[in-house]
Amino acid sequence: MACSKIFSGELPELTYEIIKYFQNDFSTLHSCILVNRLWCRLAIPLLWENPFSISTGNCNFIEIYLYNLNLNDDLKTELNKYDIDKLLPSNTLFNYPSFIKYLNTQEFISSVGRWAKAYLNLSKKLVISLFKIFIENDVNLHTLEIELTHHGYLSYFNNGILELILQNTNFIHNIKFLKVYNGKTPGFLYINNNPNEDKLTKDRISQIINLHRNLKKIVLDHTNFPSYQPLLLSKGSNCSNTLNTITLYSINFKSIINLDKLFEQLNVLESVHIFHCYPINTGFIQQIINLSKPFKLKSLFINDRSQIDQSLQLLLQKYGVYLENLGCGFSSNHDPLSKELIESIIKYCKNIKLLDLHEYNNQIIYPTLNLIENIKQNLNYLTINIFEPVILRNIIEYIKYSSIILQNLGQILPSRLEYLSLTLHIKAGNFKLFLESSKNTFIKKLLINNEDGDDILPYVKKYIMKKKRVKYLAIKNSFHKNASFHNKDLFYLKDEVEEFGSYNIKLQNYNDSIMGVYNYIKETY
């Protein structure tokens, strides 16, 4: 197929497919620019798709955007006062604003603020002018995240960003993913305790949602769900025949009714993701299991706040076949139900690809291992973290559970994992047994957080490095000393980085390597 494309003159298309593979590898993309004109023309748009998210701290790229500033813009005069106009390029090779695909309002405002920190009185004018530039250049946004989580940024919205969007509705017509996040508390939006300002903000966001004619994804949290539920329930809503993914985050279902009507109205819904909502009990589940349409529950993450009861087993029985991402925390509070829940997951949820397990009690340690073995055919991402809650209760239990996992996990792993993260107290003998019993498993990215355990580096080199069993590796040793907690990351040992690199294994910073489950699901669905 590739050869036929080359001979048919489709080399640019093939080259683009190759370069797009490095979409998140900015250093490689910068290198691609230097190869030739074709590679430069293909790499530049990828580099400018989401520039405000790049955490280098360098925001000078904003000067390139300002080249497109309208000569009649009031900001132009302000820039001249501070001689900022002399920093702007006299010419540009590309129409850079047209390349933007992803825009998070908080990242955007923050980046502008960092660039203009010496000219604080210009920040708001800069934000509004840059937003106008994006609108005027007919950008084709894929993702817009309206994030009102910072008190200092709220003044940028009502008479700024939100008003501009409503005045230029074409700006949002083709957005596939719209995220609206209002903060952590119901009153967070109040500006100087002004509920009218808060209502205006919510009304304008509701208008934006309703105006959107191609909305495919939406994230709703505990602050905005009550406000936007009536909009989604409206028979005239544009979402009914376009919305295929809905994420519910930390929502209190206790006083929410008509969930069944909401889901019945969404005609093309293909995936539902529930993160730490509560209570997951009869009141919520009865609304769901009576739906006439399949409730395609793809993700379920529960913790101590979830207030689960036996009705959750009914939900899994009916819709567990759709479940692909599962996160569970089992502390002593869940003892009566945790074992039954694990057994229900084993029985009804055969298609789990991502499993995130933390907090153990003595009833579910072996059922959990049975679960891993039962789903290994589809399992790609596995996280096991038993440190935080157990260490506070009983160090002996913590060591015991860690040992049981290491003694039994290796032989039940699939032949390949994209990601494995272990946070355990590691005894050298148990770790050696784990490595020997998992010798037929290739792990693309392996993370190990060894809490107050033995030195495992010699075993890592013998069984992992020399056998090239991973592509990326991150190891952190955490220990208590003098009543404080300390971390040692292998990534900061230059000689070790070079030695592992000689075996084509890339040592990475542990904290930076931790998989963001929420972001993974956002990008996957």
Protein backbone atom coordinates (compact mmCIF):
# COMPACT_ATOMS: atom_id res chain seq x y z
CA MET A 1 0.00 0.00 0.00
CA ALA A 2 2.80 2.43 0.93
CA CYS A 3 4.72 1.62 -2.27
CA SER A 4 1.65 2.18 -4.42
CA LYS A 5 1.17 5.61 -2.83
CA ILE A 6 4.79 6.53 -3.54
CA PHE A 7 4.55 5.57 -7.21
CA SER A 8 1.18 7.29 -7.58
CA GLY A 9 2.67 10.59 -6.44
CA GLU A 10 1.26 10.62 -2.90
CA LEU A 11 4.61 11.07 -1.16
CA PRO A 12 3.50 14.28 0.67
CA GLU A 13 0.54 12.38 2.14
CA LEU A 14 2.82 9.60 3.38
CA THR A 15 5.32 12.11 4.75
CA TYR A 16 2.55 13.87 6.66
CA GLU A 17 1.39 10.58 8.17
CA ILE A 18 4.96 9.95 9.36
CA ILE A 19 5.45 13.45 10.78
CA LYS A 20 2.05 13.38 12.50
CA TYR A 21 3.34 10.42 14.51
CA PHE A 22 5.60 12.96 16.31
CA GLN A 23 2.66 15.24 17.10
CA ASN A 24 3.53 15.50 20.80
CA ASP A 25 7.31 15.27 20.38
CA PHE A 26 8.11 18.94 19.95
CA SER A 27 11.90 18.59 19.70
CA THR A 28 11.54 16.10 16.82
CA LEU A 29 9.00 18.35 15.08
CA HIS A 30 11.43 21.26 15.32
CA SER A 31 14.07 19.06 13.70
CA CYS A 32 11.64 18.18 10.90
CA ILE A 33 11.39 21.88 10.02
CA LEU A 34 15.07 21.87 9.05
CA VAL A 35 14.90 18.91 6.64
CA ASN A 36 13.40 20.62 3.59
CA ARG A 37 10.51 22.86 2.52
CA LEU A 38 7.99 20.03 2.33
CA TRP A 39 8.77 18.77 5.83
CA CYS A 40 8.70 22.33 7.14
CA ARG A 41 5.29 22.97 5.56
CA LEU A 42 3.94 19.77 7.14
CA ALA A 43 5.52 20.17 10.60
CA ILE A 44 4.70 23.83 11.28
CA PRO A 45 0.90 23.35 11.55
CA LEU A 46 1.41 20.51 14.04
CA LEU A 47 3.65 22.67 16.20
CA TRP A 48 1.06 25.45 16.25
CA GLU A 49 -2.03 23.33 16.94
CA ASN A 50 -1.93 23.85 20.71
CA PRO A 51 0.91 26.26 21.58
CA PHE A 52 -0.59 27.52 24.86
CA SER A 53 -0.34 24.06 26.42
CA ILE A 54 3.43 23.72 25.96
CA SER A 55 4.95 24.16 29.43
CA THR A 56 8.32 25.66 28.45
CA GLY A 57 7.58 28.99 30.12
CA ASN A 58 8.56 30.77 26.89
CA CYS A 59 5.57 32.69 25.54
CA ASN A 60 7.38 34.72 22.89
CA PHE A 61 5.35 32.97 20.20
CA ILE A 62 2.58 35.44 21.11
CA GLU A 63 4.59 38.10 19.26
CA ILE A 64 4.10 36.14 16.04
CA TYR A 65 0.34 36.11 16.60
CA LEU A 66 0.37 39.87 17.15
CA TYR A 67 1.78 40.36 13.66
CA ASN A 68 -1.81 39.74 12.52
CA LEU A 69 -3.13 42.56 14.70
CA ASN A 70 -5.50 44.88 12.88
CA LEU A 71 -3.93 48.30 12.34
CA ASN A 72 -7.08 49.92 13.69
CA ASP A 73 -6.97 47.93 16.90
CA ASP A 74 -6.68 50.13 19.99
CA LEU A 75 -4.05 47.75 21.30
CA LYS A 76 -1.69 48.75 18.48
CA THR A 77 -1.43 52.23 19.98
CA GLU A 78 -0.84 50.80 23.45
CA LEU A 79 1.94 48.55 22.14
CA ASN A 80 3.63 51.52 20.52
CA LYS A 81 3.69 53.34 23.87
CA TYR A 82 5.77 50.56 25.41
CA ASP A 83 7.86 50.00 22.25
CA ILE A 84 6.48 46.46 22.15
CA ASP A 85 5.74 46.95 18.47
CA LYS A 86 9.50 46.73 17.87
CA LEU A 87 9.45 43.14 19.17
CA LEU A 88 6.92 42.04 16.57
CA PRO A 89 8.10 40.35 13.36
CA SER A 90 8.07 42.44 10.18
CA ASN A 91 6.89 39.44 8.21
CA THR A 92 5.84 35.80 8.73
CA LEU A 93 6.08 32.76 6.46
CA PHE A 94 2.75 31.24 7.53
CA ASN A 95 -0.66 32.31 8.75
CA TYR A 96 0.06 30.92 12.21
CA PRO A 97 -3.28 31.77 13.89
CA SER A 98 -5.12 29.58 11.37
CA PHE A 99 -3.31 26.47 12.62
CA ILE A 100 -4.74 26.46 16.14
CA LYS A 101 -6.92 23.39 16.88
CA TYR A 102 -7.03 23.27 20.69
CA LEU A 103 -7.73 26.19 22.98
CA ASN A 104 -8.05 26.12 26.77
CA THR A 105 -9.10 29.54 28.05
CA GLN A 106 -7.13 29.29 31.30
CA GLU A 107 -3.91 28.24 29.55
CA PHE A 108 -4.50 30.98 26.97
CA ILE A 109 -5.04 33.77 29.51
CA SER A 110 -2.17 32.53 31.69
CA SER A 111 0.26 32.48 28.74
CA VAL A 112 -0.70 36.00 27.71
CA GLY A 113 -0.28 37.13 31.32
CA ARG A 114 3.24 35.66 31.50
CA TRP A 115 4.24 37.34 28.25
CA ALA A 116 2.77 40.69 29.32
CA LYS A 117 3.87 40.53 32.97
CA ALA A 118 5.76 43.81 32.58
CA TYR A 119 2.64 45.43 31.15
CA LEU A 120 -0.11 44.09 33.42
CA ASN A 121 -2.62 46.73 32.38
CA LEU A 122 -2.44 45.34 28.83
CA SER A 123 -3.26 41.73 29.68
CA LYS A 124 -7.02 41.92 29.18
CA LYS A 125 -6.70 43.95 25.97
CA LEU A 126 -4.15 41.43 24.67
CA VAL A 127 -6.45 38.48 25.44
CA ILE A 128 -9.40 40.09 23.66
CA SER A 129 -7.30 41.16 20.67
CA LEU A 130 -5.71 37.73 20.26
CA PHE A 131 -9.11 36.08 20.49
CA LYS A 132 -10.32 38.41 17.73
CA ILE A 133 -7.31 37.37 15.64
CA PHE A 134 -8.30 33.70 15.96
CA ILE A 135 -11.87 34.51 14.95
CA GLU A 136 -10.85 36.68 11.99
CA ASN A 137 -8.50 34.00 10.66
CA ASP A 138 -11.31 31.43 10.42
CA VAL A 139 -9.62 28.92 12.69
CA ASN A 140 -11.01 25.41 12.58
CA LEU A 141 -11.05 24.52 16.29
CA HIS A 142 -11.26 20.87 17.27
CA THR A 143 -11.39 21.46 21.05
CA LEU A 144 -12.50 24.44 23.11
CA GLU A 145 -12.15 24.27 26.89
CA ILE A 146 -13.92 27.10 28.73
CA GLU A 147 -12.37 26.96 32.18
CA LEU A 148 -13.53 29.40 34.85
CA THR A 149 -11.46 28.15 37.78
CA HIS A 150 -9.30 31.17 38.56
CA HIS A 151 -10.88 34.18 40.28
CA GLY A 152 -8.41 36.53 38.64
CA TYR A 153 -9.48 35.48 35.15
CA LEU A 154 -13.26 35.77 35.51
CA SER A 155 -13.31 39.38 34.28
CA TYR A 156 -12.03 38.18 30.89
CA PHE A 157 -15.24 36.28 30.13
CA ASN A 158 -18.61 38.05 30.32
CA ASN A 159 -17.67 41.19 28.41
CA GLY A 160 -14.83 39.50 26.62
CA ILE A 161 -14.35 35.93 25.46
CA LEU A 162 -17.94 34.70 25.88
CA GLU A 163 -19.37 37.80 24.23
CA LEU A 164 -16.99 37.44 21.27
CA ILE A 165 -17.99 33.80 20.79
CA LEU A 166 -21.69 34.68 20.79
CA GLN A 167 -21.08 37.51 18.31
CA ASN A 168 -19.11 35.17 16.01
CA THR A 169 -20.93 31.85 16.20
CA ASN A 170 -19.07 30.35 13.22
CA PHE A 171 -16.07 30.17 15.54
CA ILE A 172 -17.61 27.23 17.43
CA HIS A 173 -19.76 25.51 14.81
CA ASN A 174 -17.25 22.77 13.98
CA ILE A 175 -15.91 22.11 17.46
CA LYS A 176 -16.02 18.41 18.27
CA PHE A 177 -15.12 18.65 21.96
CA LEU A 178 -16.41 21.38 24.25
CA LYS A 179 -15.37 21.32 27.89
CA VAL A 180 -17.01 23.63 30.41
CA TYR A 181 -15.46 23.65 33.87
CA ASN A 182 -16.70 26.13 36.44
CA GLY A 183 -14.62 25.43 39.52
CA LYS A 184 -14.83 23.48 42.77
CA THR A 185 -17.80 24.95 44.58
CA PRO A 186 -21.27 26.08 43.50
CA GLY A 187 -20.49 29.66 44.45
CA PHE A 188 -17.08 29.75 42.82
CA LEU A 189 -18.28 31.84 39.89
CA TYR A 190 -19.55 34.70 42.02
CA ILE A 191 -17.61 37.89 41.33
CA ASN A 192 -17.71 40.11 44.42
CA ASN A 193 -20.60 37.91 45.61
CA ASN A 194 -22.65 39.10 42.63
CA PRO A 195 -25.14 36.34 41.68
CA ASN A 196 -26.29 38.37 38.65
CA GLU A 197 -22.80 38.18 37.18
CA ASP A 198 -22.76 34.47 37.87
CA LYS A 199 -26.14 34.00 36.18
CA LEU A 200 -24.99 35.98 33.14
CA THR A 201 -21.94 33.75 32.77
CA LYS A 202 -24.00 30.57 33.01
CA ASP A 203 -26.60 31.93 30.56
CA ARG A 204 -23.92 32.76 28.01
CA ILE A 205 -22.30 29.35 28.32
CA SER A 206 -25.74 27.75 27.88
CA GLN A 207 -26.20 29.80 24.71
CA ILE A 208 -22.82 28.62 23.44
CA ILE A 209 -23.76 24.99 24.03
CA ASN A 210 -27.12 25.45 22.34
CA LEU A 211 -25.65 27.29 19.35
CA HIS A 212 -23.15 24.56 18.73
CA ARG A 213 -24.40 22.42 15.85
CA ASN A 214 -21.75 19.74 15.80
CA LEU A 215 -21.07 19.06 19.48
CA LYS A 216 -19.76 15.53 19.91
CA LYS A 217 -18.25 15.59 23.40
CA ILE A 218 -19.08 17.38 26.62
CA VAL A 219 -17.73 17.29 30.18
CA LEU A 220 -20.10 18.16 33.01
CA ASP A 221 -19.10 18.54 36.65
CA HIS A 222 -20.90 19.17 39.93
CA THR A 223 -21.00 22.94 39.45
CA ASN A 224 -22.42 23.09 35.94
CA PHE A 225 -24.55 19.95 35.57
CA PRO A 226 -27.68 21.38 37.27
CA SER A 227 -27.45 24.48 35.06
CA TYR A 228 -27.02 22.65 31.77
CA GLN A 229 -29.21 19.61 32.34
CA PRO A 230 -32.39 21.52 31.29
CA LEU A 231 -30.63 22.59 28.10
CA LEU A 232 -29.72 18.99 27.23
CA LEU A 233 -33.28 17.93 28.02
CA SER A 234 -34.75 20.57 25.72
CA LYS A 235 -36.45 19.10 22.65
CA GLY A 236 -34.92 21.86 20.56
CA SER A 237 -31.38 21.08 21.69
CA ASN A 238 -28.79 20.75 18.94
CA CYS A 239 -27.04 18.03 20.97
CA SER A 240 -29.62 15.29 20.47
CA ASN A 241 -28.26 14.02 17.17
CA THR A 242 -24.58 14.93 17.51
CA LEU A 243 -23.47 14.30 21.11
CA ASN A 244 -21.76 10.91 21.26
CA THR A 245 -19.58 11.26 24.37
CA ILE A 246 -20.55 12.59 27.78
CA THR A 247 -18.30 12.73 30.85
CA LEU A 248 -19.76 13.22 34.33
CA TYR A 249 -17.21 14.37 36.89
CA SER A 250 -17.74 14.50 40.68
CA ILE A 251 -21.50 15.06 40.40
CA ASN A 252 -23.80 14.59 43.38
CA PHE A 253 -26.66 12.51 41.94
CA LYS A 254 -28.69 12.65 45.15
CA SER A 255 -31.02 15.47 44.11
CA ILE A 256 -30.81 15.00 40.34
CA ILE A 257 -33.84 13.59 38.56
CA ASN A 258 -34.72 12.97 34.92
CA LEU A 259 -31.36 11.41 34.11
CA ASP A 260 -33.23 8.74 32.20
CA LYS A 261 -34.97 11.39 30.07
CA LEU A 262 -31.65 13.07 29.35
CA PHE A 263 -30.02 9.89 28.10
CA GLU A 264 -33.12 8.81 26.18
CA GLN A 265 -32.96 12.06 24.22
CA LEU A 266 -29.34 11.56 23.10
CA ASN A 267 -29.80 9.55 19.91
CA VAL A 268 -26.17 8.87 18.95
CA LEU A 269 -24.56 8.50 22.39
CA GLU A 270 -21.69 6.02 22.17
CA SER A 271 -19.78 6.43 25.41
CA VAL A 272 -20.47 7.57 28.97
CA HIS A 273 -17.66 8.20 31.47
CA ILE A 274 -18.33 8.53 35.21
CA PHE A 275 -15.54 9.91 37.41
CA HIS A 276 -15.99 9.87 41.19
CA CYS A 277 -19.68 10.74 41.14
CA TYR A 278 -21.84 9.94 44.16
CA PRO A 279 -23.95 8.30 45.36
CA ILE A 280 -23.75 5.34 42.96
CA ASN A 281 -26.78 3.73 44.56
CA THR A 282 -30.35 2.65 43.86
CA GLY A 283 -31.64 6.19 43.24
CA PHE A 284 -29.18 6.74 40.41
CA ILE A 285 -29.00 3.23 39.01
CA GLN A 286 -32.77 2.70 38.74
CA GLN A 287 -32.90 5.70 36.40
CA ILE A 288 -30.25 4.10 34.21
CA ILE A 289 -31.22 0.43 34.03
CA ASN A 290 -34.75 1.31 32.86
CA LEU A 291 -33.48 3.04 29.70
CA SER A 292 -34.83 1.74 26.40
CA LYS A 293 -31.46 2.51 24.76
CA PRO A 294 -28.12 0.89 25.61
CA PHE A 295 -26.23 2.85 28.26
CA LYS A 296 -22.70 2.52 26.90
CA LEU A 297 -20.78 2.96 30.14
CA LYS A 298 -17.14 3.02 29.00
CA SER A 299 -15.52 4.38 32.16
CA LEU A 300 -16.34 4.03 35.85
CA PHE A 301 -14.13 5.41 38.62
CA ILE A 302 -15.29 5.02 42.21
CA ASN A 303 -13.77 5.88 45.57
CA ASP A 304 -14.74 6.38 49.21
CA ARG A 305 -17.20 9.14 48.33
CA SER A 306 -19.07 7.03 45.79
CA GLN A 307 -21.42 5.54 48.42
CA ILE A 308 -21.96 2.39 46.38
CA ASP A 309 -24.56 -0.19 47.30
CA GLN A 310 -25.62 -3.56 45.92
CA SER A 311 -27.53 -1.96 43.05
CA LEU A 312 -24.18 -1.28 41.35
CA GLN A 313 -24.07 -4.99 40.57
CA LEU A 314 -27.32 -4.54 38.58
CA LEU A 315 -25.67 -1.78 36.55
CA LEU A 316 -22.66 -3.99 35.81
CA GLN A 317 -24.89 -6.94 34.95
CA LYS A 318 -26.75 -4.92 32.33
CA TYR A 319 -24.03 -2.65 30.97
CA GLY A 320 -20.72 -4.18 32.13
CA VAL A 321 -20.06 -5.50 28.63
CA TYR A 322 -19.36 -1.90 27.52
CA LEU A 323 -16.94 -1.09 30.36
CA GLU A 324 -13.36 -0.45 29.19
CA ASN A 325 -11.86 1.74 31.93
CA LEU A 326 -12.27 0.95 35.63
CA GLY A 327 -10.86 2.64 38.70
CA CYS A 328 -11.57 1.31 42.19
CA GLY A 329 -10.52 2.22 45.69
CA PHE A 330 -11.29 -0.31 48.43
CA SER A 331 -10.75 0.81 52.00
CA SER A 332 -12.20 -0.62 55.19
CA ASN A 333 -15.41 1.34 54.56
CA HIS A 334 -16.15 -0.88 51.56
CA ASP A 335 -15.52 -4.23 53.28
CA PRO A 336 -19.10 -5.56 53.13
CA LEU A 337 -19.45 -4.96 49.40
CA SER A 338 -15.96 -4.93 47.92
CA LYS A 339 -15.61 -8.69 47.42
CA GLU A 340 -19.08 -8.97 45.86
CA LEU A 341 -18.30 -6.04 43.58
CA ILE A 342 -15.05 -7.60 42.36
CA GLU A 343 -16.89 -10.85 41.66
CA SER A 344 -19.50 -8.94 39.63
CA ILE A 345 -16.76 -7.20 37.64
CA ILE A 346 -15.14 -10.57 36.90
CA LYS A 347 -18.48 -11.99 35.80
CA TYR A 348 -19.84 -9.14 33.67
CA CYS A 349 -16.91 -6.92 32.59
CA LYS A 350 -14.79 -8.82 30.10
CA ASN A 351 -13.54 -5.90 27.98
CA ILE A 352 -11.56 -3.80 30.45
CA LYS A 353 -8.50 -2.19 28.87
CA LEU A 354 -7.50 0.14 31.70
CA LEU A 355 -7.55 -0.91 35.35
CA ASP A 356 -6.62 1.50 38.15
CA LEU A 357 -6.57 -0.13 41.60
CA HIS A 358 -5.76 1.55 44.89
CA GLU A 359 -6.64 1.00 48.55
CA TYR A 360 -6.92 -2.62 49.54
CA ASN A 361 -8.57 -4.56 52.30
CA ASN A 362 -7.96 -8.16 53.26
CA GLN A 363 -11.12 -9.42 51.56
CA ILE A 364 -10.24 -8.45 48.02
CA ILE A 365 -6.50 -8.93 47.54
CA TYR A 366 -6.87 -12.36 45.89
CA PRO A 367 -10.16 -11.55 44.06
CA THR A 368 -8.35 -8.55 42.57
CA LEU A 369 -5.61 -10.80 41.23
CA ASN A 370 -8.32 -13.05 39.79
CA LEU A 371 -9.81 -9.99 38.10
CA ILE A 372 -6.50 -9.09 36.44
CA GLU A 373 -6.11 -12.64 35.15
CA ASN A 374 -9.70 -12.69 33.91
CA ILE A 375 -9.35 -9.52 31.80
CA LYS A 376 -5.74 -9.89 30.63
CA GLN A 377 -6.79 -10.60 27.05
CA ASN A 378 -7.81 -6.95 26.62
CA LEU A 379 -5.79 -5.29 29.39
CA ASN A 380 -3.36 -2.58 28.20
CA TYR A 381 -2.98 -0.23 31.18
CA LEU A 382 -2.61 -1.36 34.80
CA THR A 383 -2.01 0.71 37.94
CA ILE A 384 -1.68 -0.84 41.40
CA ASN A 385 -1.22 1.58 44.29
CA ILE A 386 -1.69 0.36 47.83
CA PHE A 387 0.64 2.67 49.68
CA GLU A 388 -1.23 5.78 50.73
CA PRO A 389 -4.19 4.45 52.75
CA VAL A 390 -2.64 1.24 54.05
CA ILE A 391 0.54 2.77 55.38
CA LEU A 392 -1.56 4.99 57.61
CA ARG A 393 -3.39 2.01 59.09
CA ASN A 394 -0.93 -0.83 59.38
CA ILE A 395 2.62 -1.08 58.02
CA ILE A 396 2.57 -4.86 58.47
CA GLU A 397 -0.53 -5.16 56.26
CA TYR A 398 1.10 -2.89 53.71
CA ILE A 399 4.19 -5.10 53.44
CA LYS A 400 2.02 -8.23 53.37
CA TYR A 401 -0.19 -6.97 50.52
CA SER A 402 2.83 -5.78 48.54
CA SER A 403 4.44 -9.20 48.87
CA ILE A 404 1.27 -11.05 47.80
CA ILE A 405 0.99 -8.88 44.69
CA LEU A 406 4.63 -9.34 43.65
CA GLN A 407 4.49 -13.09 44.28
CA ASN A 408 1.38 -13.56 42.12
CA LEU A 409 1.21 -10.76 39.55
CA GLY A 410 3.96 -11.79 37.14
CA GLN A 411 2.40 -15.04 35.95
CA ILE A 412 -1.02 -13.50 35.24
CA LEU A 413 0.09 -10.53 33.14
CA PRO A 414 -0.65 -10.47 29.40
CA SER A 415 2.17 -10.85 26.88
CA ARG A 416 2.23 -7.08 26.32
CA LEU A 417 1.24 -4.03 28.35
CA GLU A 418 1.32 -0.43 27.22
CA TYR A 419 1.62 0.78 30.81
CA LEU A 420 2.26 -0.75 34.23
CA SER A 421 2.56 1.34 37.39
CA LEU A 422 3.33 -0.24 40.77
CA THR A 423 3.41 1.59 44.10
CA LEU A 424 4.46 -1.01 46.66
CA HIS A 425 6.85 -1.84 49.47
CA ILE A 426 9.28 -4.04 47.53
CA LYS A 427 11.29 -6.87 49.04
CA ALA A 428 14.18 -7.93 46.80
CA GLY A 429 13.22 -11.62 46.77
CA ASN A 430 9.62 -10.90 45.84
CA PHE A 431 10.72 -8.50 43.10
CA LYS A 432 13.05 -11.09 41.61
CA LEU A 433 10.19 -13.61 41.58
CA PHE A 434 7.94 -11.06 39.85
CA LEU A 435 10.53 -10.37 37.16
CA GLU A 436 11.19 -14.06 36.54
CA SER A 437 7.51 -14.96 36.33
CA SER A 438 6.75 -12.04 33.98
CA LYS A 439 9.69 -12.72 31.65
CA ASN A 440 7.38 -13.20 28.67
CA THR A 441 5.67 -9.82 29.13
CA PHE A 442 6.89 -6.75 27.25
CA ILE A 443 5.94 -3.48 28.99
CA LYS A 444 6.15 -0.33 26.89
CA LYS A 445 6.20 1.99 29.92
CA LEU A 446 7.01 0.71 33.42
CA LEU A 447 6.71 2.88 36.53
CA ILE A 448 7.85 1.70 39.95
CA ASN A 449 7.45 3.64 43.19
CA ASN A 450 9.32 1.62 45.80
CA GLU A 451 8.10 2.77 49.20
CA ASP A 452 10.61 2.09 51.99
CA GLY A 453 11.67 -1.11 50.25
CA ASP A 454 14.92 -2.89 49.35
CA ASP A 455 17.41 -1.85 46.69
CA ILE A 456 15.98 -3.23 43.44
CA LEU A 457 18.30 -1.59 40.89
CA PRO A 458 20.54 -4.67 40.39
CA TYR A 459 17.46 -6.75 39.54
CA VAL A 460 16.13 -4.06 37.22
CA LYS A 461 19.39 -4.08 35.28
CA LYS A 462 19.65 -7.86 35.11
CA TYR A 463 16.04 -8.74 34.26
CA ILE A 464 14.77 -5.59 32.53
CA MET A 465 17.62 -3.53 31.10
CA LYS A 466 19.79 -6.31 29.69
CA LYS A 467 16.80 -8.18 28.30
CA LYS A 468 15.31 -4.96 26.83
CA ARG A 469 11.86 -5.70 28.27
CA VAL A 470 10.65 -2.09 28.38
CA LYS A 471 10.88 0.99 26.20
CA TYR A 472 10.34 3.64 28.88
CA LEU A 473 11.23 3.29 32.56
CA ALA A 474 10.66 5.47 35.61
CA ILE A 475 11.72 4.43 39.11
CA LYS A 476 11.32 6.38 42.32
CA ASN A 477 12.50 5.27 45.74
CA SER A 478 10.56 6.87 48.59
CA PHE A 479 11.61 6.57 52.19
CA HIS A 480 11.08 8.05 55.65
CA LYS A 481 14.01 9.67 57.40
CA ASN A 482 14.03 11.96 60.42
CA ALA A 483 10.22 12.14 60.47
CA SER A 484 10.08 13.43 56.90
CA PHE A 485 9.49 11.88 53.50
CA HIS A 486 12.17 11.77 50.78
CA ASN A 487 12.19 10.74 47.12
CA LYS A 488 15.02 9.61 44.89
CA ASP A 489 14.30 9.49 41.17
CA LEU A 490 16.58 7.38 38.96
CA PHE A 491 16.03 9.92 36.19
CA TYR A 492 18.39 12.38 37.91
CA LEU A 493 21.36 9.99 37.92
CA LYS A 494 23.21 10.83 34.70
CA ASP A 495 25.29 7.64 34.59
CA GLU A 496 22.18 5.49 34.95
CA VAL A 497 20.38 7.39 32.20
CA GLU A 498 23.31 6.76 29.86
CA GLU A 499 23.62 3.09 30.79
CA PHE A 500 19.93 2.37 30.22
CA GLY A 501 20.08 4.46 27.05
CA SER A 502 22.77 2.16 25.65
CA TYR A 503 20.10 -0.58 25.72
CA ASN A 504 17.56 1.70 23.98
CA ILE A 505 15.61 2.17 27.21
CA LYS A 506 14.66 5.75 28.01
CA LEU A 507 14.70 6.68 31.69
CA GLN A 508 12.00 9.24 32.48
CA ASN A 509 11.07 11.48 35.35
CA TYR A 510 8.69 9.48 37.55
CA ASN A 511 6.13 12.19 38.31
CA ASP A 512 6.01 13.33 34.67
CA SER A 513 5.46 9.74 33.52
CA ILE A 514 2.37 9.03 35.60
CA MET A 515 -0.53 8.36 33.31
CA GLY A 516 -3.28 10.95 33.48
CA VAL A 517 -6.35 8.73 33.27
CA TYR A 518 -8.72 11.61 32.66
CA ASN A 519 -6.60 12.96 29.78
CA TYR A 520 -6.19 9.48 28.33
CA ILE A 521 -9.95 9.00 28.18
CA LYS A 522 -10.46 12.51 26.80
CA GLU A 523 -8.04 11.77 23.96
CA THR A 524 -9.27 8.22 23.31
CA TYR A 525 -13.03 8.76 23.06
